[in-house]
């Protein structure tokens, strides 16, 4: 079983690295700084990603009778924004590459500050409730995770694109598909081993709470995405998608149990499924390519 866990972890890390590499191979010059150079867009994105979603999550778990491990997992996911896996879906759903890629870079850089700050602020606001008070995370640990999983492969992809633009552009979708395939393979054994705990979580109202948090992200992102419809699409899907790697990092730093990991996995599944009706609505209203 330990070997299986190690193989799954390796596949997950590899898929995230390859996704970031594919983005680097595809990103155009200047796209990475697109959002950072536009303060209004950046502030709107921060409000949706690191203010609205964490606050909704914290309010729900503070008001509803959930298990402490479930509460912790939901809050951890709420303060862990924007994994690279969200990017392909955003582009397919009509998001503009400069905005989507620029948002990933901006939030990746700022998460070094926003994740520890969000945990600390929520602990202060809700210190009477057990949900976030015991949590802590080192900014250095978050920086290391973001640097290794995002900026190293992203920089490698940018370097390869600068050296050979044509081959890099052709390789980008292939690398992305391989990454998604690895991610699917890694998730299968996790789903099997976590199935009993997932079944218990489905029956105790956890899914509804997670769904409410995800929907809050979709609505906040769509409303705060700015005047460009395609940017609203990208921010909505980004706000509804959280980074399980960062959540797991905080959980590991605080010695959380298997039920926290199962809830994180359930959050990822619910987030992916809940976004489907939104994407269908976008297509019906001709906001995205058919």
Foldseek 3Di string as FASTA:
>chain_A
DVVLVVLLVVLLLLLLLLLLLLLLLADDPPLQQLQVVPVLQVVLLCCLQQNQLLVLLLVVPLVDDDDLLLSQLSNLQSQFFDGSLLQVVLVQLQADSSLLNNNNNVCLVCSLPRSQVSLVVSCVVPVVDSNRVLFGDHSVVSNVCSCSSHVVSSVVSNVVCVVPVPVSNVCSVVSNVVSVVSNVVSVVVVCVVCVVLLVVCVPPCSLVSLLVSLVSSLVSLLVSLDDQNSSSSSRSLRNSAGDVVSSVNRCVVSVHDPSSVSSNVSSRVSSVVSCVVVSVVCVVVVVGDD
